[in-house]
Each structure stands twice: as C-alpha cells, then as structure tokens.
Amino acid sequence: MKIFLASASSRRYSWLRAQDWMGPHDITKIPLDVDESKVLDVSDVFSTVRNVVALKIESARALLRKNKGDWVGIVSDTMVENPILKTPMGKPKDSNHAREMLSTLSGRSHKVWTCTGILLPSDEGNLISTESAEVRFKDIGTDTLEDLINSGSWTGKAGGYDVHGRASNLIDVVKGSETTVLGLSENSMMTLREIVGG
C-alpha cells in the first residue's frame, strides 16, 4: 500500500520508517504549502492545531486525489503551548524569537498538542485525533541556550526545540506519549496500523 506523509518533517518520516508494521509499505513524503496564519486562533491551542490540520487535509486531498489503488495519506501538526500565557507558541521566526521561546520554556512544564489526520481514497471523511503531552524543560543555562541557538536546531520546530535533537537531554515527557511530542498522534498511529494490517 502507498503511504503518503504530507509533511516536510524528517522526524515524522523516520519514525514511520522505523515501525516494523510499516515494513512492506511504500512511504512517500510530500511537503504541503499551506498558509497556517489563515486559521490561527491565538487564544486556543486545541482549536488552532485542529484548524491547521483541517487546512492541511484540504491541501493533501487535492494532491492525492489523482492516485489510483489503495493509499493512505497522513497530515499532522504540532504546537507548543506557552506555559505562562496558555497560547500557541508556533515556530520561531528567527534566532531572537527562538531564544525568547526557549527562555520561556526553561525550568517549566508545558503542553505539546498534536493533531493528526488520516486520509483514505474515498471522500467519506477523515480520521482525526488530537492529543496532548506534558513536557518538562530543565533550566537552560546561558551557554546551553546559545549553543541551541547557534546550532540552528530550532529552525522549523514548534516551540523552538526538537525532542530528538540538540534539546533531547533537556526535556522529559512527564505525561502522555513521546510520539505525540514528536509530531504524530498516538491514537492515529494505532488507527493507521489497523488500516495497513500491521
């Protein structure tokens, strides 16, 4: 079966490739070009992440409709919740923005929200699941902060960090699934496994 990951995320792709139940299936990564700013709700992280996935589903379905035979599409979005304001942090615009985000997360627990949608060839609807996990960030010293900024590991990452990247030794998932923090809903992955017969 053809599996289309409608995402530019190498982490999501690597995670899918590493699952033994994905072995016989062909996974193709197809980045989407969507303007997430059209659906941002700065007051509600849960609604925002679902709105973004709805937008991505619309875009992915238009791209995948031409494929013949059995296929599954996967879209996902992950947002970090500001631990103080309880609003979406999004992805850093530049290094100063990343520094500000990481300073806010330093020494605090925060929620990571992931919404994942599974698309099938029929237009009978989409299987969407939204989950959160709680992540604890250790105190980030000045030298460590500058190392994170200079490494560029914050680029394109919600909240300015990568759970399996340079910040991995600074964070602990204290509640929920690491898969959720990585950027895929665990419930959606269970659904995907059932669909592909894993």
N, C-alpha and C. Protein backbone atom coordinates (compact mmCIF):
# COMPACT_ATOMS: atom_id res chain seq x y z
N MET A 1 0.83 -1.20 0.00
CA MET A 1 0.00 0.00 0.00
C MET A 1 0.87 1.25 0.00
N LYS A 2 0.45 2.27 -0.71
CA LYS A 2 1.19 3.52 -0.73
C LYS A 2 0.79 4.38 0.47
N ILE A 3 1.79 4.86 1.18
CA ILE A 3 1.56 5.75 2.32
C ILE A 3 2.15 7.10 1.97
N PHE A 4 1.33 8.14 2.00
CA PHE A 4 1.80 9.48 1.71
C PHE A 4 1.83 10.31 2.99
N LEU A 5 3.02 10.70 3.40
CA LEU A 5 3.17 11.58 4.56
C LEU A 5 3.21 13.01 4.03
N ALA A 6 2.11 13.73 4.23
CA ALA A 6 2.02 15.11 3.73
C ALA A 6 2.65 16.05 4.75
N SER A 7 3.97 15.99 4.80
CA SER A 7 4.73 16.75 5.79
C SER A 7 6.18 16.84 5.34
N ALA A 8 6.84 17.92 5.70
CA ALA A 8 8.26 18.07 5.39
C ALA A 8 9.12 17.53 6.53
N SER A 9 8.48 17.02 7.59
CA SER A 9 9.20 16.61 8.80
C SER A 9 9.99 15.31 8.61
N SER A 10 11.31 15.41 8.73
CA SER A 10 12.14 14.21 8.64
C SER A 10 11.96 13.33 9.86
N ARG A 11 11.62 13.94 11.02
CA ARG A 11 11.39 13.17 12.24
C ARG A 11 10.16 12.27 12.09
N ARG A 12 9.07 12.82 11.58
CA ARG A 12 7.86 12.01 11.38
C ARG A 12 8.15 10.88 10.39
N TYR A 13 8.84 11.21 9.31
CA TYR A 13 9.16 10.21 8.29
C TYR A 13 10.02 9.10 8.88
N SER A 14 11.05 9.46 9.63
CA SER A 14 11.96 8.47 10.23
C SER A 14 11.21 7.57 11.21
N TRP A 15 10.31 8.17 11.99
CA TRP A 15 9.54 7.39 12.96
C TRP A 15 8.69 6.35 12.23
N LEU A 16 8.00 6.78 11.17
CA LEU A 16 7.17 5.85 10.41
C LEU A 16 8.00 4.72 9.80
N ARG A 17 9.15 5.08 9.22
CA ARG A 17 10.02 4.08 8.60
C ARG A 17 10.53 3.06 9.62
N ALA A 18 10.67 3.49 10.87
CA ALA A 18 11.24 2.62 11.92
C ALA A 18 10.22 1.61 12.47
N GLN A 19 8.93 1.78 12.16
CA GLN A 19 7.92 0.87 12.69
C GLN A 19 7.91 -0.43 11.88
N ASP A 20 8.02 -1.57 12.57
CA ASP A 20 8.09 -2.84 11.85
C ASP A 20 6.83 -3.12 11.03
N TRP A 21 5.69 -2.61 11.49
CA TRP A 21 4.44 -2.84 10.77
C TRP A 21 4.33 -2.00 9.49
N MET A 22 5.26 -1.07 9.29
CA MET A 22 5.28 -0.28 8.06
C MET A 22 6.20 -0.90 7.01
N GLY A 23 6.90 -1.96 7.38
CA GLY A 23 7.91 -2.58 6.53
C GLY A 23 7.55 -2.78 5.07
N PRO A 24 6.41 -3.44 4.79
CA PRO A 24 6.11 -3.74 3.38
C PRO A 24 5.51 -2.59 2.59
N HIS A 25 5.30 -1.46 3.24
CA HIS A 25 4.60 -0.36 2.58
C HIS A 25 5.55 0.72 2.09
N ASP A 26 5.16 1.34 1.00
CA ASP A 26 5.97 2.39 0.37
C ASP A 26 5.57 3.75 0.94
N ILE A 27 6.50 4.41 1.65
CA ILE A 27 6.21 5.71 2.25
C ILE A 27 6.84 6.82 1.42
N THR A 28 6.01 7.79 1.02
CA THR A 28 6.49 8.93 0.25
C THR A 28 6.18 10.21 1.03
N LYS A 29 7.16 11.07 1.12
CA LYS A 29 6.99 12.35 1.81
C LYS A 29 6.63 13.42 0.78
N ILE A 30 5.52 14.12 1.01
CA ILE A 30 5.11 15.20 0.11
C ILE A 30 4.81 16.46 0.94
N PRO A 31 5.77 17.37 1.02
CA PRO A 31 5.54 18.60 1.79
C PRO A 31 4.38 19.41 1.23
N LEU A 32 3.63 20.02 2.13
CA LEU A 32 2.49 20.86 1.73
C LEU A 32 2.86 22.32 1.83
N ASP A 33 2.24 23.13 1.01
CA ASP A 33 2.43 24.58 1.06
C ASP A 33 1.10 25.21 1.46
N VAL A 34 0.93 25.40 2.77
CA VAL A 34 -0.32 25.98 3.27
C VAL A 34 0.00 27.21 4.12
N ASP A 35 -0.89 28.16 4.11
CA ASP A 35 -0.74 29.38 4.90
C ASP A 35 -1.48 29.20 6.22
N GLU A 36 -0.75 28.73 7.24
CA GLU A 36 -1.36 28.44 8.53
C GLU A 36 -1.90 29.68 9.22
N SER A 37 -1.40 30.84 8.86
CA SER A 37 -1.82 32.08 9.53
C SER A 37 -3.32 32.35 9.31
N LYS A 38 -3.89 31.75 8.26
CA LYS A 38 -5.31 31.98 7.96
C LYS A 38 -6.23 31.37 9.01
N VAL A 39 -5.73 30.38 9.75
CA VAL A 39 -6.61 29.66 10.69
C VAL A 39 -6.12 29.72 12.13
N LEU A 40 -5.15 30.56 12.41
CA LEU A 40 -4.63 30.64 13.77
C LEU A 40 -5.64 31.28 14.71
N ASP A 41 -5.82 30.65 15.85
CA ASP A 41 -6.65 31.18 16.92
C ASP A 41 -5.73 31.34 18.12
N VAL A 42 -5.24 32.54 18.33
CA VAL A 42 -4.19 32.75 19.34
C VAL A 42 -4.67 32.48 20.77
N SER A 43 -5.97 32.29 20.96
CA SER A 43 -6.47 32.09 22.32
C SER A 43 -6.68 30.62 22.67
N ASP A 44 -6.59 29.71 21.70
CA ASP A 44 -6.96 28.33 21.94
C ASP A 44 -6.06 27.39 21.15
N VAL A 45 -5.16 26.70 21.84
CA VAL A 45 -4.19 25.83 21.16
C VAL A 45 -4.89 24.62 20.54
N PHE A 46 -5.82 24.02 21.27
CA PHE A 46 -6.54 22.84 20.78
C PHE A 46 -7.23 23.15 19.45
N SER A 47 -7.98 24.24 19.41
CA SER A 47 -8.70 24.61 18.18
C SER A 47 -7.73 24.97 17.06
N THR A 48 -6.65 25.66 17.40
CA THR A 48 -5.69 26.08 16.38
C THR A 48 -5.06 24.89 15.69
N VAL A 49 -4.61 23.91 16.47
CA VAL A 49 -3.93 22.76 15.87
C VAL A 49 -4.91 21.95 15.01
N ARG A 50 -6.17 21.88 15.42
CA ARG A 50 -7.18 21.19 14.60
C ARG A 50 -7.51 21.98 13.33
N ASN A 51 -7.56 23.30 13.44
CA ASN A 51 -7.82 24.14 12.27
C ASN A 51 -6.71 23.99 11.23
N VAL A 52 -5.47 23.94 11.70
CA VAL A 52 -4.33 23.79 10.79
C VAL A 52 -4.39 22.44 10.08
N VAL A 53 -4.72 21.40 10.83
CA VAL A 53 -4.83 20.07 10.21
C VAL A 53 -5.97 20.02 9.19
N ALA A 54 -7.08 20.67 9.49
CA ALA A 54 -8.18 20.72 8.53
C ALA A 54 -7.73 21.39 7.23
N LEU A 55 -6.93 22.44 7.35
CA LEU A 55 -6.40 23.13 6.17
C LEU A 55 -5.44 22.22 5.40
N LYS A 56 -4.60 21.49 6.14
CA LYS A 56 -3.65 20.58 5.50
C LYS A 56 -4.37 19.42 4.81
N ILE A 57 -5.44 18.93 5.43
CA ILE A 57 -6.22 17.85 4.82
C ILE A 57 -6.77 18.28 3.48
N GLU A 58 -7.31 19.48 3.43
CA GLU A 58 -7.86 20.03 2.18
C GLU A 58 -6.79 20.07 1.09
N SER A 59 -5.61 20.54 1.46
CA SER A 59 -4.50 20.64 0.51
C SER A 59 -4.01 19.25 0.09
N ALA A 60 -3.86 18.35 1.07
CA ALA A 60 -3.35 17.00 0.78
C ALA A 60 -4.33 16.22 -0.09
N ARG A 61 -5.62 16.34 0.18
CA ARG A 61 -6.60 15.60 -0.60
C ARG A 61 -6.57 16.04 -2.07
N ALA A 62 -6.37 17.33 -2.29
CA ALA A 62 -6.28 17.83 -3.68
C ALA A 62 -5.06 17.23 -4.39
N LEU A 63 -3.96 17.06 -3.66
CA LEU A 63 -2.74 16.49 -4.25
C LEU A 63 -2.86 14.98 -4.48
N LEU A 64 -3.53 14.29 -3.56
CA LEU A 64 -3.55 12.83 -3.59
C LEU A 64 -4.69 12.23 -4.41
N ARG A 65 -5.67 13.03 -4.75
CA ARG A 65 -6.88 12.53 -5.42
C ARG A 65 -6.56 11.78 -6.72
N LYS A 66 -5.49 12.16 -7.39
CA LYS A 66 -5.16 11.55 -8.68
C LYS A 66 -4.57 10.14 -8.56
N ASN A 67 -4.17 9.73 -7.35
CA ASN A 67 -3.55 8.42 -7.17
C ASN A 67 -4.58 7.30 -7.29
N LYS A 68 -4.15 6.23 -7.95
CA LYS A 68 -5.03 5.08 -8.14
C LYS A 68 -4.72 4.00 -7.10
N GLY A 69 -5.66 3.11 -6.88
CA GLY A 69 -5.44 1.99 -5.98
C GLY A 69 -5.52 2.39 -4.52
N ASP A 70 -5.06 1.49 -3.66
CA ASP A 70 -5.10 1.73 -2.22
C ASP A 70 -3.97 2.65 -1.78
N TRP A 71 -4.33 3.65 -1.02
CA TRP A 71 -3.33 4.54 -0.45
C TRP A 71 -3.88 5.15 0.84
N VAL A 72 -2.97 5.65 1.64
CA VAL A 72 -3.33 6.34 2.88
C VAL A 72 -2.52 7.63 2.95
N GLY A 73 -3.18 8.72 3.28
CA GLY A 73 -2.48 9.98 3.48
C GLY A 73 -2.43 10.33 4.96
N ILE A 74 -1.34 10.96 5.37
CA ILE A 74 -1.18 11.36 6.77
C ILE A 74 -0.82 12.85 6.80
N VAL A 75 -1.60 13.62 7.55
CA VAL A 75 -1.25 15.02 7.79
C VAL A 75 -1.17 15.22 9.30
N SER A 76 -0.32 16.11 9.73
CA SER A 76 -0.20 16.32 11.17
C SER A 76 0.31 17.72 11.45
N ASP A 77 -0.02 18.21 12.63
CA ASP A 77 0.51 19.49 13.07
C ASP A 77 0.74 19.42 14.58
N THR A 78 1.81 20.05 15.01
CA THR A 78 2.18 20.05 16.43
C THR A 78 2.39 21.48 16.89
N MET A 79 1.85 21.79 18.05
CA MET A 79 2.02 23.12 18.63
C MET A 79 2.39 23.02 20.10
N VAL A 80 3.29 23.90 20.50
CA VAL A 80 3.69 24.00 21.89
C VAL A 80 2.86 25.10 22.55
N GLU A 81 2.33 24.80 23.72
CA GLU A 81 1.53 25.77 24.46
C GLU A 81 2.42 26.58 25.39
N ASN A 82 2.35 27.88 25.28
CA ASN A 82 3.11 28.77 26.17
C ASN A 82 2.71 28.46 27.61
N PRO A 83 3.67 28.08 28.47
CA PRO A 83 3.32 27.68 29.83
C PRO A 83 2.79 28.81 30.71
N ILE A 84 3.01 30.04 30.29
CA ILE A 84 2.55 31.19 31.07
C ILE A 84 1.23 31.72 30.51
N LEU A 85 1.18 31.98 29.20
CA LEU A 85 0.01 32.58 28.57
C LEU A 85 -1.03 31.56 28.11
N LYS A 86 -0.63 30.28 28.00
CA LYS A 86 -1.50 29.20 27.53
C LYS A 86 -1.97 29.44 26.09
N THR A 87 -1.11 30.05 25.29
CA THR A 87 -1.39 30.34 23.89
C THR A 87 -0.40 29.58 23.01
N PRO A 88 -0.69 29.41 21.70
CA PRO A 88 0.23 28.70 20.82
C PRO A 88 1.56 29.46 20.66
N MET A 89 2.67 28.73 20.72
CA MET A 89 3.97 29.36 20.51
C MET A 89 4.38 29.34 19.05
N GLY A 90 3.90 28.39 18.29
CA GLY A 90 4.25 28.31 16.88
C GLY A 90 5.72 27.98 16.66
N LYS A 91 6.21 28.32 15.47
CA LYS A 91 7.61 28.09 15.12
C LYS A 91 8.35 29.42 15.14
N PRO A 92 9.59 29.42 15.60
CA PRO A 92 10.33 30.69 15.68
C PRO A 92 10.51 31.34 14.31
N LYS A 93 10.37 32.66 14.28
CA LYS A 93 10.57 33.41 13.03
C LYS A 93 12.05 33.61 12.75
N ASP A 94 12.85 33.72 13.83
CA ASP A 94 14.28 33.95 13.69
C ASP A 94 14.96 33.52 15.00
N SER A 95 16.27 33.71 15.08
CA SER A 95 17.02 33.26 16.26
C SER A 95 16.60 33.99 17.53
N ASN A 96 16.27 35.26 17.43
CA ASN A 96 15.84 36.01 18.62
C ASN A 96 14.50 35.48 19.14
N HIS A 97 13.62 35.15 18.21
CA HIS A 97 12.33 34.58 18.58
C HIS A 97 12.52 33.22 19.24
N ALA A 98 13.45 32.41 18.70
CA ALA A 98 13.75 31.10 19.27
C ALA A 98 14.32 31.25 20.68
N ARG A 99 15.20 32.22 20.87
CA ARG A 99 15.79 32.48 22.19
C ARG A 99 14.71 32.85 23.21
N GLU A 100 13.76 33.67 22.76
CA GLU A 100 12.65 34.08 23.62
C GLU A 100 11.78 32.88 24.01
N MET A 101 11.49 32.02 23.03
CA MET A 101 10.68 30.83 23.30
C MET A 101 11.37 29.90 24.30
N LEU A 102 12.63 29.59 24.04
CA LEU A 102 13.37 28.67 24.90
C LEU A 102 13.53 29.22 26.31
N SER A 103 13.70 30.52 26.42
CA SER A 103 13.80 31.15 27.74
C SER A 103 12.48 31.02 28.50
N THR A 104 11.37 31.11 27.78
CA THR A 104 10.05 30.95 28.40
C THR A 104 9.84 29.51 28.88
N LEU A 105 10.34 28.54 28.12
CA LEU A 105 10.16 27.13 28.46
C LEU A 105 11.12 26.66 29.55
N SER A 106 12.24 27.33 29.68
CA SER A 106 13.29 26.92 30.62
C SER A 106 12.76 26.76 32.04
N GLY A 107 12.98 25.57 32.62
CA GLY A 107 12.60 25.30 34.00
C GLY A 107 11.11 25.11 34.23
N ARG A 108 10.35 24.99 33.16
CA ARG A 108 8.89 24.88 33.30
C ARG A 108 8.35 23.65 32.57
N SER A 109 7.15 23.25 32.99
CA SER A 109 6.41 22.22 32.25
C SER A 109 5.48 22.91 31.26
N HIS A 110 5.26 22.29 30.14
CA HIS A 110 4.35 22.84 29.15
C HIS A 110 3.66 21.70 28.41
N LYS A 111 2.57 22.02 27.73
CA LYS A 111 1.87 21.03 26.92
C LYS A 111 2.30 21.12 25.47
N VAL A 112 2.37 19.95 24.85
CA VAL A 112 2.59 19.85 23.41
C VAL A 112 1.34 19.21 22.82
N TRP A 113 0.72 19.90 21.87
CA TRP A 113 -0.50 19.41 21.24
C TRP A 113 -0.19 18.92 19.83
N THR A 114 -0.69 17.73 19.50
CA THR A 114 -0.55 17.20 18.14
C THR A 114 -1.90 16.74 17.63
N CYS A 115 -2.20 17.15 16.42
CA CYS A 115 -3.41 16.69 15.74
C CYS A 115 -2.96 15.99 14.46
N THR A 116 -3.46 14.78 14.24
CA THR A 116 -3.11 14.01 13.05
C THR A 116 -4.38 13.56 12.35
N GLY A 117 -4.37 13.69 11.04
CA GLY A 117 -5.49 13.24 10.23
C GLY A 117 -5.06 12.13 9.28
N ILE A 118 -5.89 11.10 9.17
CA ILE A 118 -5.65 10.00 8.24
C ILE A 118 -6.65 10.14 7.09
N LEU A 119 -6.15 10.16 5.87
CA LEU A 119 -6.99 10.31 4.67
C LEU A 119 -7.01 8.99 3.91
N LEU A 120 -8.17 8.62 3.42
CA LEU A 120 -8.34 7.43 2.59
C LEU A 120 -8.84 7.87 1.21
N PRO A 121 -8.71 7.01 0.18
CA PRO A 121 -9.09 7.43 -1.18
C PRO A 121 -10.53 7.91 -1.31
N SER A 122 -11.44 7.29 -0.55
CA SER A 122 -12.83 7.74 -0.63
C SER A 122 -12.98 9.06 0.12
N ASP A 123 -13.96 9.83 -0.24
CA ASP A 123 -14.21 11.11 0.42
C ASP A 123 -15.23 10.96 1.54
N GLU A 124 -15.16 9.86 2.25
CA GLU A 124 -16.15 9.58 3.28
C GLU A 124 -15.84 10.27 4.61
N GLY A 125 -14.86 11.10 4.61
CA GLY A 125 -14.47 11.76 5.86
C GLY A 125 -13.03 11.45 6.20
N ASN A 126 -12.56 12.07 7.25
CA ASN A 126 -11.18 11.91 7.65
C ASN A 126 -11.14 11.46 9.12
N LEU A 127 -10.15 10.66 9.43
CA LEU A 127 -9.97 10.17 10.80
C LEU A 127 -8.99 11.12 11.49
N ILE A 128 -9.51 11.90 12.42
CA ILE A 128 -8.70 12.94 13.06
C ILE A 128 -8.62 12.71 14.56
N SER A 129 -7.42 12.82 15.09
CA SER A 129 -7.23 12.66 16.54
C SER A 129 -6.32 13.77 17.06
N THR A 130 -6.70 14.36 18.18
CA THR A 130 -5.91 15.43 18.81
C THR A 130 -5.54 15.00 20.22
N GLU A 131 -4.25 15.11 20.53
CA GLU A 131 -3.76 14.69 21.85
C GLU A 131 -2.76 15.71 22.37
N SER A 132 -2.56 15.65 23.68
CA SER A 132 -1.51 16.50 24.27
C SER A 132 -0.62 15.65 25.16
N ALA A 133 0.59 16.12 25.34
CA ALA A 133 1.54 15.50 26.27
C ALA A 133 2.15 16.63 27.10
N GLU A 134 2.57 16.30 28.30
CA GLU A 134 3.21 17.30 29.16
C GLU A 134 4.72 17.07 29.15
N VAL A 135 5.44 18.13 28.89
CA VAL A 135 6.90 18.07 28.79
C VAL A 135 7.51 19.00 29.83
N ARG A 136 8.52 18.50 30.50
CA ARG A 136 9.24 19.31 31.49
C ARG A 136 10.60 19.69 30.92
N PHE A 137 10.86 20.99 30.88
CA PHE A 137 12.15 21.50 30.40
C PHE A 137 13.04 21.79 31.60
N LYS A 138 14.25 21.31 31.55
CA LYS A 138 15.21 21.64 32.60
C LYS A 138 15.61 23.11 32.47
N ASP A 139 16.22 23.64 33.51
CA ASP A 139 16.74 25.00 33.42
C ASP A 139 17.81 25.06 32.34
N ILE A 140 17.68 26.03 31.47
CA ILE A 140 18.66 26.18 30.38
C ILE A 140 19.63 27.28 30.75
N GLY A 141 20.89 26.91 30.93
CA GLY A 141 21.93 27.91 31.23
C GLY A 141 22.22 28.76 30.01
N THR A 142 22.89 29.87 30.24
CA THR A 142 23.20 30.81 29.15
C THR A 142 24.01 30.15 28.04
N ASP A 143 25.05 29.38 28.41
CA ASP A 143 25.89 28.74 27.40
C ASP A 143 25.10 27.71 26.60
N THR A 144 24.25 26.94 27.29
CA THR A 144 23.44 25.93 26.61
C THR A 144 22.45 26.59 25.67
N LEU A 145 21.85 27.68 26.12
CA LEU A 145 20.89 28.41 25.28
C LEU A 145 21.57 28.89 24.01
N GLU A 146 22.74 29.48 24.15
CA GLU A 146 23.44 29.99 22.97
C GLU A 146 23.86 28.86 22.04
N ASP A 147 24.20 27.70 22.61
CA ASP A 147 24.56 26.54 21.79
C ASP A 147 23.34 26.08 20.97
N LEU A 148 22.18 26.05 21.62
CA LEU A 148 20.95 25.67 20.91
C LEU A 148 20.64 26.65 19.79
N ILE A 149 20.80 27.93 20.07
CA ILE A 149 20.50 28.95 19.06
C ILE A 149 21.48 28.86 17.90
N ASN A 150 22.78 28.77 18.22
CA ASN A 150 23.81 28.74 17.18
C ASN A 150 23.76 27.48 16.32
N SER A 151 23.24 26.39 16.90
CA SER A 151 23.16 25.13 16.15
C SER A 151 22.09 25.17 15.06
N GLY A 152 21.12 26.09 15.22
CA GLY A 152 20.02 26.17 14.26
C GLY A 152 19.00 25.06 14.44
N SER A 153 19.12 24.29 15.54
CA SER A 153 18.20 23.16 15.77
C SER A 153 16.76 23.62 16.00
N TRP A 154 16.57 24.89 16.25
CA TRP A 154 15.24 25.46 16.48
C TRP A 154 14.46 25.69 15.19
N THR A 155 15.14 25.70 14.07
CA THR A 155 14.53 26.05 12.79
C THR A 155 13.38 25.11 12.43
N GLY A 156 12.21 25.69 12.22
CA GLY A 156 11.05 24.91 11.80
C GLY A 156 10.44 24.03 12.87
N LYS A 157 10.84 24.25 14.14
CA LYS A 157 10.37 23.39 15.23
C LYS A 157 9.41 24.16 16.14
N ALA A 158 8.27 23.57 16.42
CA ALA A 158 7.30 24.18 17.34
C ALA A 158 7.96 24.41 18.69
N GLY A 159 7.85 25.62 19.21
CA GLY A 159 8.45 25.95 20.49
C GLY A 159 9.95 26.16 20.45
N GLY A 160 10.55 25.93 19.27
CA GLY A 160 11.99 26.17 19.11
C GLY A 160 12.88 25.02 19.55
N TYR A 161 12.31 23.80 19.69
CA TYR A 161 13.17 22.68 20.06
C TYR A 161 12.71 21.39 19.39
N ASP A 162 13.64 20.44 19.32
CA ASP A 162 13.42 19.15 18.68
C ASP A 162 13.59 18.07 19.74
N VAL A 163 12.55 17.29 19.98
CA VAL A 163 12.58 16.29 21.07
C VAL A 163 13.69 15.26 20.88
N HIS A 164 14.10 15.00 19.64
CA HIS A 164 15.19 14.05 19.38
C HIS A 164 16.46 14.73 18.87
N GLY A 165 16.51 16.05 19.02
CA GLY A 165 17.66 16.81 18.54
C GLY A 165 18.53 17.30 19.68
N ARG A 166 19.08 18.51 19.51
CA ARG A 166 20.02 19.07 20.48
C ARG A 166 19.42 19.26 21.87
N ALA A 167 18.10 19.42 21.94
CA ALA A 167 17.46 19.66 23.24
C ALA A 167 17.03 18.37 23.94
N SER A 168 17.32 17.22 23.35
CA SER A 168 16.80 15.95 23.88
C SER A 168 17.19 15.68 25.32
N ASN A 169 18.40 16.10 25.72
CA ASN A 169 18.84 15.85 27.11
C ASN A 169 18.32 16.90 28.08
N LEU A 170 17.54 17.85 27.59
CA LEU A 170 17.00 18.92 28.44
C LEU A 170 15.52 18.73 28.76
N ILE A 171 14.90 17.74 28.13
CA ILE A 171 13.45 17.59 28.30
C ILE A 171 13.08 16.18 28.75
N ASP A 172 11.97 16.11 29.46
CA ASP A 172 11.38 14.83 29.86
C ASP A 172 9.89 14.89 29.57
N VAL A 173 9.39 13.82 28.95
CA VAL A 173 7.95 13.70 28.77
C VAL A 173 7.40 13.13 30.07
N VAL A 174 6.68 13.95 30.82
CA VAL A 174 6.21 13.52 32.14
C VAL A 174 4.79 12.97 32.12
N LYS A 175 4.05 13.25 31.05
CA LYS A 175 2.69 12.73 30.93
C LYS A 175 2.33 12.66 29.46
N GLY A 176 1.79 11.52 29.03
CA GLY A 176 1.43 11.37 27.63
C GLY A 176 2.52 10.63 26.86
N SER A 177 2.42 10.68 25.56
CA SER A 177 3.28 9.89 24.68
C SER A 177 4.39 10.73 24.03
N GLU A 178 5.57 10.15 23.92
CA GLU A 178 6.67 10.82 23.20
C GLU A 178 6.33 10.95 21.72
N THR A 179 5.53 10.01 21.21
CA THR A 179 5.10 10.08 19.81
C THR A 179 4.31 11.36 19.56
N THR A 180 3.49 11.74 20.53
CA THR A 180 2.73 12.99 20.43
C THR A 180 3.66 14.18 20.35
N VAL A 181 4.71 14.18 21.18
CA VAL A 181 5.68 15.27 21.19
C VAL A 181 6.46 15.30 19.88
N LEU A 182 6.75 14.13 19.36
CA LEU A 182 7.47 14.03 18.08
C LEU A 182 6.66 14.63 16.94
N GLY A 183 5.32 14.51 17.02
CA GLY A 183 4.50 15.13 15.98
C GLY A 183 3.50 14.23 15.31
N LEU A 184 3.17 13.09 15.94
CA LEU A 184 2.14 12.20 15.41
C LEU A 184 1.24 11.75 16.56
N SER A 185 -0.06 11.84 16.36
CA SER A 185 -1.00 11.40 17.38
C SER A 185 -0.89 9.89 17.55
N GLU A 186 -0.72 9.45 18.79
CA GLU A 186 -0.59 8.01 19.05
C GLU A 186 -1.85 7.25 18.65
N ASN A 187 -3.02 7.83 18.93
CA ASN A 187 -4.27 7.18 18.53
C ASN A 187 -4.37 7.03 17.02
N SER A 188 -3.93 8.05 16.29
CA SER A 188 -3.96 7.99 14.83
C SER A 188 -3.01 6.91 14.30
N MET A 189 -1.88 6.75 14.97
CA MET A 189 -0.93 5.73 14.54
C MET A 189 -1.48 4.32 14.80
N MET A 190 -2.26 4.16 15.87
CA MET A 190 -2.93 2.88 16.12
C MET A 190 -3.95 2.60 15.01
N THR A 191 -4.67 3.65 14.60
CA THR A 191 -5.64 3.53 13.51
C THR A 191 -4.93 3.18 12.20
N LEU A 192 -3.81 3.86 11.95
CA LEU A 192 -3.04 3.59 10.73
C LEU A 192 -2.57 2.14 10.70
N ARG A 193 -2.11 1.67 11.84
CA ARG A 193 -1.63 0.28 11.91
C ARG A 193 -2.75 -0.70 11.56
N GLU A 194 -3.95 -0.43 12.04
CA GLU A 194 -5.09 -1.29 11.72
C GLU A 194 -5.39 -1.23 10.22
N ILE A 195 -5.31 -0.04 9.64
CA ILE A 195 -5.62 0.12 8.20
C ILE A 195 -4.64 -0.64 7.32
N VAL A 196 -3.35 -0.54 7.65
CA VAL A 196 -2.33 -1.17 6.81
C VAL A 196 -2.11 -2.64 7.17
N GLY A 197 -2.81 -3.10 8.21
CA GLY A 197 -2.72 -4.52 8.56
C GLY A 197 -1.48 -4.91 9.31
N GLY A 198 -0.98 -3.98 10.13
CA GLY A 198 0.24 -4.26 10.89
C GLY A 198 -0.02 -4.93 12.21
